[in-house]
Amino acid sequence: MLVIPAIEIENHRCYRTVAAVAGADTIYPTDPAETARLWRTENAKTIHVTDYDGLYAGRMDNFDEIVSIVQRVEIPLMLLARFADEAECRQWLDAGVYRIVVHDLILHKPDAVVNLLADYGASRVMAGVITRGGRTSRTWRDIEELDSVDFAMRAVELGCRRLFFTDRDYEGAMRGPNFEELTRLARATKTPITSAGGVASVEHLWRLQELESEGIDSVVIGRAFYENRFPCQQLWRDVEVERQRSHDAHDDDVSTSRLHGDA
């Protein structure tokens, strides 16, 4: 199971920041590229970015910040935004974003999806199954009168070979993903799925791991990571505290030596 940390961007800044631990003076960054660098130092293999300005307003206001992530970390970046048309998708992909999660285009401009798949390949264009109550949700706002499995099958017929699944009723609720809907989707489509939203504990990860044989092979985690809800994160934070203390001690030594004219 590949675990993917999420970075949510709004108005050029991170929507969430990592909570500090006791004993640390660390102020975690609001800069998206710095946050990506932090997750990379904690062994992330992929970064997922949600561009809220892109989702809600259909703007590319955060283009520079997202491209900066691509330039600062050497791991693949997966981007979820509205993507108004084929040209916008190409702009992101040509700028170095490894994979885009498309949703609206599948419903309203399927030819654009076919063209993108032909030119960039199925590894770089995945279908976003954004649901609420088992129905397809149009980028966080409207509900289409289309069952989520029917939408996913439409995407697969266009050539998509991976699905990104999230249920709006479970996001941020910290009660686990919608396991029932995930399983239904996996069994109906026989297509690899990245699950996003709801994970709050190691137990939720174990349950997802049990579904790996169904094709659910990766998970995007946002809030739980930022709130340090996993045991391994305490270890990471302890290391950061010690690193900070060592750095502060080194600075004190340097300052003292300079006072004595030794530096």
C-alpha atoms as a PDB file:
ATOM      1  CA  MET A   1       0.000   0.000   0.000  1.00  0.00           C
ATOM      2  CA  LEU A   2       1.530   3.279  -1.136  1.00  0.00           C
ATOM      3  CA  VAL A   3       0.826   6.078   1.353  1.00  0.00           C
ATOM      4  CA  ILE A   4       0.730   9.540  -0.229  1.00  0.00           C
ATOM      5  CA  PRO A   5       0.764  12.761   1.829  1.00  0.00           C
ATOM      6  CA  ALA A   6      -1.541  15.522   0.644  1.00  0.00           C
ATOM      7  CA  ILE A   7      -0.844  19.221   0.311  1.00  0.00           C
ATOM      8  CA  GLU A   8      -3.894  21.452  -0.006  1.00  0.00           C
ATOM      9  CA  ILE A   9      -3.230  24.879  -1.510  1.00  0.00           C
ATOM     10  CA  GLU A  10      -5.424  27.949  -1.299  1.00  0.00           C
ATOM     11  CA  ASN A  11      -4.406  31.536  -2.064  1.00  0.00           C
ATOM     12  CA  HIS A  12      -0.759  30.506  -2.670  1.00  0.00           C
ATOM     13  CA  ARG A  13      -0.386  28.933   0.777  1.00  0.00           C
ATOM     14  CA  CYS A  14      -0.904  25.584   2.465  1.00  0.00           C
ATOM     15  CA  TYR A  15      -4.450  25.146   3.702  1.00  0.00           C
ATOM     16  CA  ARG A  16      -3.115  22.952   6.520  1.00  0.00           C
ATOM     17  CA  THR A  17       0.230  23.039   8.326  1.00  0.00           C
ATOM     18  CA  VAL A  18       1.908  20.350  10.380  1.00  0.00           C
ATOM     19  CA  ALA A  19       1.319  20.523  14.123  1.00  0.00           C
ATOM     20  CA  ALA A  20       4.489  20.958  16.168  1.00  0.00           C
ATOM     21  CA  VAL A  21       5.360  18.635  19.048  1.00  0.00           C
ATOM     22  CA  ALA A  22       6.157  19.595  22.608  1.00  0.00           C
ATOM     23  CA  GLY A  23       9.747  20.691  23.087  1.00  0.00           C
ATOM     24  CA  ALA A  24      10.194  21.936  19.541  1.00  0.00           C
ATOM     25  CA  ASP A  25      10.384  25.535  18.465  1.00  0.00           C
ATOM     26  CA  THR A  26       9.801  24.458  14.891  1.00  0.00           C
ATOM     27  CA  ILE A  27       7.290  26.509  12.940  1.00  0.00           C
ATOM     28  CA  TYR A  28       6.116  24.339  10.092  1.00  0.00           C
ATOM     29  CA  PRO A  29       5.951  25.989   6.699  1.00  0.00           C
ATOM     30  CA  THR A  30       2.940  27.421   4.951  1.00  0.00           C
ATOM     31  CA  ASP A  31       4.940  27.476   1.725  1.00  0.00           C
ATOM     32  CA  PRO A  32       3.795  24.512  -0.402  1.00  0.00           C
ATOM     33  CA  ALA A  33       7.275  23.675  -1.710  1.00  0.00           C
ATOM     34  CA  GLU A  34       8.719  23.654   1.803  1.00  0.00           C
ATOM     35  CA  THR A  35       5.906  21.410   2.994  1.00  0.00           C
ATOM     36  CA  ALA A  36       6.593  19.044   0.092  1.00  0.00           C
ATOM     37  CA  ARG A  37      10.262  19.018   1.041  1.00  0.00           C
ATOM     38  CA  LEU A  38       9.281  18.088   4.606  1.00  0.00           C
ATOM     39  CA  TRP A  39       7.201  15.138   3.415  1.00  0.00           C
ATOM     40  CA  ARG A  40      10.047  14.069   1.160  1.00  0.00           C
ATOM     41  CA  THR A  41      12.481  14.018   4.077  1.00  0.00           C
ATOM     42  CA  GLU A  42       9.974  11.742   5.799  1.00  0.00           C
ATOM     43  CA  ASN A  43      10.271   9.315   2.880  1.00  0.00           C
ATOM     44  CA  ALA A  44       7.219  10.219   0.807  1.00  0.00           C
ATOM     45  CA  LYS A  45       7.394   8.568  -2.613  1.00  0.00           C
ATOM     46  CA  THR A  46       4.675  10.734  -4.175  1.00  0.00           C
ATOM     47  CA  ILE A  47       2.949  14.007  -3.264  1.00  0.00           C
ATOM     48  CA  HIS A  48      -0.730  14.703  -3.861  1.00  0.00           C
ATOM     49  CA  VAL A  49      -1.738  18.344  -4.318  1.00  0.00           C
ATOM     50  CA  THR A  50      -5.295  19.661  -4.199  1.00  0.00           C
ATOM     51  CA  ASP A  51      -5.586  23.143  -5.693  1.00  0.00           C
ATOM     52  CA  TYR A  52      -8.662  24.614  -4.005  1.00  0.00           C
ATOM     53  CA  ASP A  53      -8.574  27.802  -6.051  1.00  0.00           C
ATOM     54  CA  GLY A  54      -8.509  25.637  -9.144  1.00  0.00           C
ATOM     55  CA  LEU A  55     -11.380  23.492  -7.895  1.00  0.00           C
ATOM     56  CA  TYR A  56     -13.742  26.207  -6.754  1.00  0.00           C
ATOM     57  CA  ALA A  57     -12.873  29.178  -8.939  1.00  0.00           C
ATOM     58  CA  GLY A  58     -11.424  27.400 -11.955  1.00  0.00           C
ATOM     59  CA  ARG A  59      -8.306  29.586 -11.819  1.00  0.00           C
ATOM     60  CA  MET A  60      -4.632  28.697 -12.153  1.00  0.00           C
ATOM     61  CA  ASP A  61      -3.583  31.208  -9.487  1.00  0.00           C
ATOM     62  CA  ASN A  62      -1.343  28.668  -7.747  1.00  0.00           C
ATOM     63  CA  PHE A  63       0.536  27.608 -10.869  1.00  0.00           C
ATOM     64  CA  ASP A  64       3.895  29.008  -9.719  1.00  0.00           C
ATOM     65  CA  GLU A  65       3.628  27.428  -6.272  1.00  0.00           C
ATOM     66  CA  ILE A  66       2.795  24.013  -7.697  1.00  0.00           C
ATOM     67  CA  VAL A  67       5.549  24.153 -10.301  1.00  0.00           C
ATOM     68  CA  SER A  68       7.914  25.122  -7.484  1.00  0.00           C
ATOM     69  CA  ILE A  69       7.069  21.840  -5.754  1.00  0.00           C
ATOM     70  CA  VAL A  70       7.914  19.968  -8.946  1.00  0.00           C
ATOM     71  CA  GLN A  71      11.257  21.742  -9.093  1.00  0.00           C
ATOM     72  CA  ARG A  72      12.109  21.316  -5.407  1.00  0.00           C
ATOM     73  CA  VAL A  73      11.352  17.624  -4.880  1.00  0.00           C
ATOM     74  CA  GLU A  74      12.341  14.817  -7.190  1.00  0.00           C
ATOM     75  CA  ILE A  75       9.294  12.622  -6.615  1.00  0.00           C
ATOM     76  CA  PRO A  76       6.119  12.519  -8.725  1.00  0.00           C
ATOM     77  CA  LEU A  77       3.398  15.067  -8.052  1.00  0.00           C
ATOM     78  CA  MET A  78      -0.284  14.255  -8.513  1.00  0.00           C
ATOM     79  CA  LEU A  79      -2.640  17.214  -8.971  1.00  0.00           C
ATOM     80  CA  LEU A  80      -6.379  17.546  -8.420  1.00  0.00           C
ATOM     81  CA  ALA A  81      -7.994  20.699  -9.825  1.00  0.00           C
ATOM     82  CA  ARG A  82     -10.934  21.524 -12.057  1.00  0.00           C
ATOM     83  CA  PHE A  83      -9.006  21.562 -15.377  1.00  0.00           C
ATOM     84  CA  ALA A  84     -11.292  23.631 -17.569  1.00  0.00           C
ATOM     85  CA  ASP A  85     -10.085  22.189 -20.848  1.00  0.00           C
ATOM     86  CA  GLU A  86      -7.488  20.114 -22.632  1.00  0.00           C
ATOM     87  CA  ALA A  87      -5.115  23.062 -23.027  1.00  0.00           C
ATOM     88  CA  GLU A  88      -4.972  23.635 -19.274  1.00  0.00           C
ATOM     89  CA  CYS A  89      -4.222  19.961 -18.671  1.00  0.00           C
ATOM     90  CA  ARG A  90      -1.385  20.116 -21.170  1.00  0.00           C
ATOM     91  CA  GLN A  91       0.017  23.194 -19.471  1.00  0.00           C
ATOM     92  CA  TRP A  92       0.231  21.371 -16.148  1.00  0.00           C
ATOM     93  CA  LEU A  93       1.668  18.183 -17.612  1.00  0.00           C
ATOM     94  CA  ASP A  94       4.219  20.046 -19.712  1.00  0.00           C
ATOM     95  CA  ALA A  95       5.259  22.003 -16.601  1.00  0.00           C
ATOM     96  CA  GLY A  96       6.313  18.762 -14.921  1.00  0.00           C
ATOM     97  CA  VAL A  97       3.253  17.637 -12.970  1.00  0.00           C
ATOM     98  CA  TYR A  98       3.473  13.870 -13.247  1.00  0.00           C
ATOM     99  CA  ARG A  99      -0.218  13.006 -12.984  1.00  0.00           C
ATOM    100  CA  ILE A 100      -3.470  14.941 -13.161  1.00  0.00           C
ATOM    101  CA  VAL A 101      -6.804  13.815 -11.710  1.00  0.00           C
ATOM    102  CA  VAL A 102      -9.562  14.695 -14.169  1.00  0.00           C
ATOM    103  CA  HIS A 103     -13.267  14.643 -13.422  1.00  0.00           C
ATOM    104  CA  ASP A 104     -15.353  17.284 -15.210  1.00  0.00           C
ATOM    105  CA  LEU A 105     -13.677  16.559 -18.529  1.00  0.00           C
ATOM    106  CA  ILE A 106     -14.818  12.942 -18.407  1.00  0.00           C
ATOM    107  CA  LEU A 107     -18.412  14.103 -18.140  1.00  0.00           C
ATOM    108  CA  HIS A 108     -18.380  17.088 -20.455  1.00  0.00           C
ATOM    109  CA  LYS A 109     -15.334  16.886 -22.743  1.00  0.00           C
ATOM    110  CA  PRO A 110     -14.513  13.195 -23.143  1.00  0.00           C
ATOM    111  CA  ASP A 111     -12.638  13.779 -26.406  1.00  0.00           C
ATOM    112  CA  ALA A 112     -10.148  15.898 -24.462  1.00  0.00           C
ATOM    113  CA  VAL A 113      -9.502  12.974 -22.122  1.00  0.00           C
ATOM    114  CA  VAL A 114      -8.961  10.628 -25.055  1.00  0.00           C
ATOM    115  CA  ASN A 115      -6.468  13.062 -26.595  1.00  0.00           C
ATOM    116  CA  LEU A 116      -4.576  13.476 -23.326  1.00  0.00           C
ATOM    117  CA  LEU A 117      -4.382   9.731 -22.804  1.00  0.00           C
ATOM    118  CA  ALA A 118      -3.074   9.282 -26.337  1.00  0.00           C
ATOM    119  CA  ASP A 119      -0.364  11.924 -25.956  1.00  0.00           C
ATOM    120  CA  TYR A 120       0.709  11.480 -22.328  1.00  0.00           C
ATOM    121  CA  GLY A 121      -0.322   7.933 -21.466  1.00  0.00           C
ATOM    122  CA  ALA A 122      -2.632   6.447 -18.847  1.00  0.00           C
ATOM    123  CA  SER A 123       0.007   6.724 -16.116  1.00  0.00           C
ATOM    124  CA  ARG A 124      -0.257  10.534 -16.240  1.00  0.00           C
ATOM    125  CA  VAL A 125      -4.034  10.970 -16.546  1.00  0.00           C
ATOM    126  CA  MET A 126      -6.284   9.384 -13.930  1.00  0.00           C
ATOM    127  CA  ALA A 127     -10.018   9.628 -13.371  1.00  0.00           C
ATOM    128  CA  GLY A 128     -11.314  11.316 -10.240  1.00  0.00           C
ATOM    129  CA  VAL A 129     -14.401   9.559  -8.877  1.00  0.00           C
ATOM    130  CA  ILE A 130     -15.706  12.286  -6.567  1.00  0.00           C
ATOM    131  CA  THR A 131     -18.866  11.079  -4.885  1.00  0.00           C
ATOM    132  CA  ARG A 132     -21.520  11.870  -2.326  1.00  0.00           C
ATOM    133  CA  GLY A 133     -24.176   9.347  -1.454  1.00  0.00           C
ATOM    134  CA  GLY A 134     -23.014   7.048  -4.231  1.00  0.00           C
ATOM    135  CA  ARG A 135     -23.583   9.734  -6.870  1.00  0.00           C
ATOM    136  CA  THR A 136     -20.968  11.563  -8.860  1.00  0.00           C
ATOM    137  CA  SER A 137     -20.126  14.977  -7.429  1.00  0.00           C
ATOM    138  CA  ARG A 138     -19.009  17.645  -9.867  1.00  0.00           C
ATOM    139  CA  THR A 139     -15.796  18.966  -8.313  1.00  0.00           C
ATOM    140  CA  TRP A 140     -17.010  19.527  -4.804  1.00  0.00           C
ATOM    141  CA  ARG A 141     -20.187  21.419  -5.655  1.00  0.00           C
ATOM    142  CA  ASP A 142     -22.954  19.900  -7.741  1.00  0.00           C
ATOM    143  CA  ILE A 143     -24.213  16.333  -7.782  1.00  0.00           C
ATOM    144  CA  GLU A 144     -24.601  14.748 -11.190  1.00  0.00           C
ATOM    145  CA  GLU A 145     -27.411  12.262 -11.690  1.00  0.00           C
ATOM    146  CA  LEU A 146     -24.911   9.508 -12.348  1.00  0.00           C
ATOM    147  CA  ASP A 147     -23.982   6.560 -10.170  1.00  0.00           C
ATOM    148  CA  SER A 148     -20.304   6.609  -9.216  1.00  0.00           C
ATOM    149  CA  VAL A 149     -19.704   3.159 -10.711  1.00  0.00           C
ATOM    150  CA  ASP A 150     -21.318   4.237 -13.985  1.00  0.00           C
ATOM    151  CA  PHE A 151     -19.070   7.296 -14.032  1.00  0.00           C
ATOM    152  CA  ALA A 152     -15.998   5.159 -13.344  1.00  0.00           C
ATOM    153  CA  MET A 153     -16.914   2.741 -16.124  1.00  0.00           C
ATOM    154  CA  ARG A 154     -17.287   5.688 -18.485  1.00  0.00           C
ATOM    155  CA  ALA A 155     -13.739   6.763 -17.568  1.00  0.00           C
ATOM    156  CA  VAL A 156     -12.383   3.256 -18.082  1.00  0.00           C
ATOM    157  CA  GLU A 157     -14.054   3.082 -21.492  1.00  0.00           C
ATOM    158  CA  LEU A 158     -12.245   6.304 -22.439  1.00  0.00           C
ATOM    159  CA  GLY A 159      -8.945   4.638 -21.576  1.00  0.00           C
ATOM    160  CA  CYS A 160      -8.294   5.613 -17.941  1.00  0.00           C
ATOM    161  CA  ARG A 161      -6.381   2.883 -16.132  1.00  0.00           C
ATOM    162  CA  ARG A 162      -6.416   4.246 -12.580  1.00  0.00           C
ATOM    163  CA  LEU A 163      -9.158   5.765 -10.434  1.00  0.00           C
ATOM    164  CA  PHE A 164      -8.901   8.342  -7.668  1.00  0.00           C
ATOM    165  CA  PHE A 165     -11.774   7.866  -5.222  1.00  0.00           C
ATOM    166  CA  THR A 166     -13.049  10.245  -2.564  1.00  0.00           C
ATOM    167  CA  ASP A 167     -16.411  10.570  -0.844  1.00  0.00           C
ATOM    168  CA  ARG A 168     -17.243  14.135   0.149  1.00  0.00           C
ATOM    169  CA  ASP A 169     -19.178  12.962   3.214  1.00  0.00           C
ATOM    170  CA  TYR A 170     -16.077  11.249   4.604  1.00  0.00           C
ATOM    171  CA  GLU A 171     -13.397  13.861   3.912  1.00  0.00           C
ATOM    172  CA  GLY A 172     -12.009  15.366   7.082  1.00  0.00           C
ATOM    173  CA  ALA A 173     -14.505  13.421   9.203  1.00  0.00           C
ATOM    174  CA  MET A 174     -11.726  11.190  10.570  1.00  0.00           C
ATOM    175  CA  ARG A 175     -13.976   8.119  10.656  1.00  0.00           C
ATOM    176  CA  GLY A 176     -12.295   6.160   7.913  1.00  0.00           C
ATOM    177  CA  PRO A 177     -12.870   5.992   4.165  1.00  0.00           C
ATOM    178  CA  ASN A 178     -16.144   4.799   2.683  1.00  0.00           C
ATOM    179  CA  PHE A 179     -15.039   1.172   2.607  1.00  0.00           C
ATOM    180  CA  GLU A 180     -18.361  -0.078   1.244  1.00  0.00           C
ATOM    181  CA  GLU A 181     -18.309   2.247  -1.759  1.00  0.00           C
ATOM    182  CA  LEU A 182     -14.603   1.620  -2.341  1.00  0.00           C
ATOM    183  CA  THR A 183     -15.192  -2.116  -2.479  1.00  0.00           C
ATOM    184  CA  ARG A 184     -18.195  -1.726  -4.784  1.00  0.00           C
ATOM    185  CA  LEU A 185     -16.168   0.447  -7.136  1.00  0.00           C
ATOM    186  CA  ALA A 186     -13.155  -1.867  -7.151  1.00  0.00           C
ATOM    187  CA  ARG A 187     -15.185  -4.994  -7.862  1.00  0.00           C
ATOM    188  CA  ALA A 188     -17.204  -3.367 -10.618  1.00  0.00           C
ATOM    189  CA  THR A 189     -14.315  -1.750 -12.493  1.00  0.00           C
ATOM    190  CA  LYS A 190     -11.404  -4.156 -11.870  1.00  0.00           C
ATOM    191  CA  THR A 191      -9.214  -1.056 -12.036  1.00  0.00           C
ATOM    192  CA  PRO A 192      -6.477   0.086  -9.595  1.00  0.00           C
ATOM    193  CA  ILE A 193      -7.755   2.680  -7.142  1.00  0.00           C
ATOM    194  CA  THR A 194      -6.148   5.398  -5.051  1.00  0.00           C
ATOM    195  CA  SER A 195      -8.345   6.137  -2.038  1.00  0.00           C
ATOM    196  CA  ALA A 196      -8.410   9.636  -0.533  1.00  0.00           C
ATOM    197  CA  GLY A 197     -10.049  11.072   2.557  1.00  0.00           C
ATOM    198  CA  GLY A 198     -11.195   9.824   5.937  1.00  0.00           C
ATOM    199  CA  VAL A 199      -8.106   7.973   7.159  1.00  0.00           C
ATOM    200  CA  ALA A 200      -7.423   8.837  10.798  1.00  0.00           C
ATOM    201  CA  SER A 201      -5.634   5.832  12.287  1.00  0.00           C
ATOM    202  CA  VAL A 202      -3.373   2.885  11.662  1.00  0.00           C
ATOM    203  CA  GLU A 203      -6.455   0.672  11.897  1.00  0.00           C
ATOM    204  CA  HIS A 204      -7.942   2.424   8.873  1.00  0.00           C
ATOM    205  CA  LEU A 205      -4.731   1.709   6.967  1.00  0.00           C
ATOM    206  CA  TRP A 206      -4.898  -1.968   7.913  1.00  0.00           C
ATOM    207  CA  ARG A 207      -8.454  -2.168   6.593  1.00  0.00           C
ATOM    208  CA  LEU A 208      -7.351  -0.591   3.328  1.00  0.00           C
ATOM    209  CA  GLN A 209      -4.445  -3.028   3.187  1.00  0.00           C
ATOM    210  CA  GLU A 210      -6.947  -5.875   3.363  1.00  0.00           C
ATOM    211  CA  LEU A 211      -8.580  -4.489   0.213  1.00  0.00           C
ATOM    212  CA  GLU A 212      -5.360  -4.396  -1.777  1.00  0.00           C
ATOM    213  CA  SER A 213      -6.290  -7.675  -3.468  1.00  0.00           C
ATOM    214  CA  GLU A 214      -9.368  -5.849  -4.804  1.00  0.00           C
ATOM    215  CA  GLY A 215      -7.123  -3.272  -6.496  1.00  0.00           C
ATOM    216  CA  ILE A 216      -7.050  -0.535  -3.841  1.00  0.00           C
ATOM    217  CA  ASP A 217      -3.287  -0.100  -3.735  1.00  0.00           C
ATOM    218  CA  SER A 218      -2.636   3.455  -2.534  1.00  0.00           C
ATOM    219  CA  VAL A 219      -4.080   6.046  -0.179  1.00  0.00           C
ATOM    220  CA  VAL A 220      -3.865   9.829   0.105  1.00  0.00           C
ATOM    221  CA  ILE A 221      -3.737  11.136   3.678  1.00  0.00           C
ATOM    222  CA  GLY A 222      -4.132  14.775   4.602  1.00  0.00           C
ATOM    223  CA  ARG A 223      -5.475  15.915   7.969  1.00  0.00           C
ATOM    224  CA  ALA A 224      -4.287  12.856   9.931  1.00  0.00           C
ATOM    225  CA  PHE A 225      -0.696  13.421   8.825  1.00  0.00           C
ATOM    226  CA  TYR A 226      -0.853  17.100   9.693  1.00  0.00           C
ATOM    227  CA  GLU A 227      -2.142  16.239  13.167  1.00  0.00           C
ATOM    228  CA  ASN A 228       0.609  13.627  13.747  1.00  0.00           C
ATOM    229  CA  ARG A 229      -1.853  10.780  14.293  1.00  0.00           C
ATOM    230  CA  PHE A 230       0.539   7.956  13.379  1.00  0.00           C
ATOM    231  CA  PRO A 231       3.173   6.502  15.765  1.00  0.00           C
ATOM    232  CA  CYS A 232       5.980   6.813  13.219  1.00  0.00           C
ATOM    233  CA  GLN A 233       5.375  10.544  13.036  1.00  0.00           C
ATOM    234  CA  GLN A 234       6.277  10.955  16.701  1.00  0.00           C
ATOM    235  CA  LEU A 235       9.642   9.394  15.869  1.00  0.00           C
ATOM    236  CA  TRP A 236      10.085  11.807  12.974  1.00  0.00           C
ATOM    237  CA  ARG A 237       9.213  14.757  15.193  1.00  0.00           C
ATOM    238  CA  ASP A 238      11.589  13.560  17.948  1.00  0.00           C
ATOM    239  CA  VAL A 239      14.388  13.448  15.404  1.00  0.00           C
ATOM    240  CA  GLU A 240      13.513  16.981  14.330  1.00  0.00           C
ATOM    241  CA  VAL A 241      13.628  18.175  17.938  1.00  0.00           C
ATOM    242  CA  GLU A 242      17.080  16.656  18.437  1.00  0.00           C
ATOM    243  CA  ARG A 243      18.275  18.090  15.142  1.00  0.00           C
ATOM    244  CA  GLN A 244      17.003  21.494  16.170  1.00  0.00           C
ATOM    245  CA  ARG A 245      18.705  21.277  19.570  1.00  0.00           C
ATOM    246  CA  SER A 246      21.979  20.231  17.955  1.00  0.00           C
ATOM    247  CA  HIS A 247      21.698  23.095  15.499  1.00  0.00           C
ATOM    248  CA  ASP A 248      21.000  25.577  18.307  1.00  0.00           C
ATOM    249  CA  ALA A 249      23.949  24.267  20.323  1.00  0.00           C
ATOM    250  CA  HIS A 250      26.187  24.592  17.280  1.00  0.00           C
ATOM    251  CA  ASP A 251      25.022  28.170  16.789  1.00  0.00           C
ATOM    252  CA  ASP A 252      25.810  28.936  20.432  1.00  0.00           C
ATOM    253  CA  ASP A 253      29.303  27.477  20.049  1.00  0.00           C
ATOM    254  CA  VAL A 254      29.920  29.493  16.913  1.00  0.00           C
ATOM    255  CA  SER A 255      28.649  32.678  18.547  1.00  0.00           C
ATOM    256  CA  THR A 256      30.867  32.118  21.595  1.00  0.00           C
ATOM    257  CA  SER A 257      33.942  31.409  19.479  1.00  0.00           C
ATOM    258  CA  ARG A 258      33.361  34.573  17.519  1.00  0.00           C
ATOM    259  CA  LEU A 259      33.131  36.562  20.735  1.00  0.00           C
ATOM    260  CA  HIS A 260      36.564  35.212  21.653  1.00  0.00           C
ATOM    261  CA  GLY A 261      37.953  35.961  18.209  1.00  0.00           C
ATOM    262  CA  ASP A 262      38.338  32.272  17.283  1.00  0.00           C
ATOM    263  CA  ALA A 263      36.182  32.414  14.151  1.00  0.00           C
END
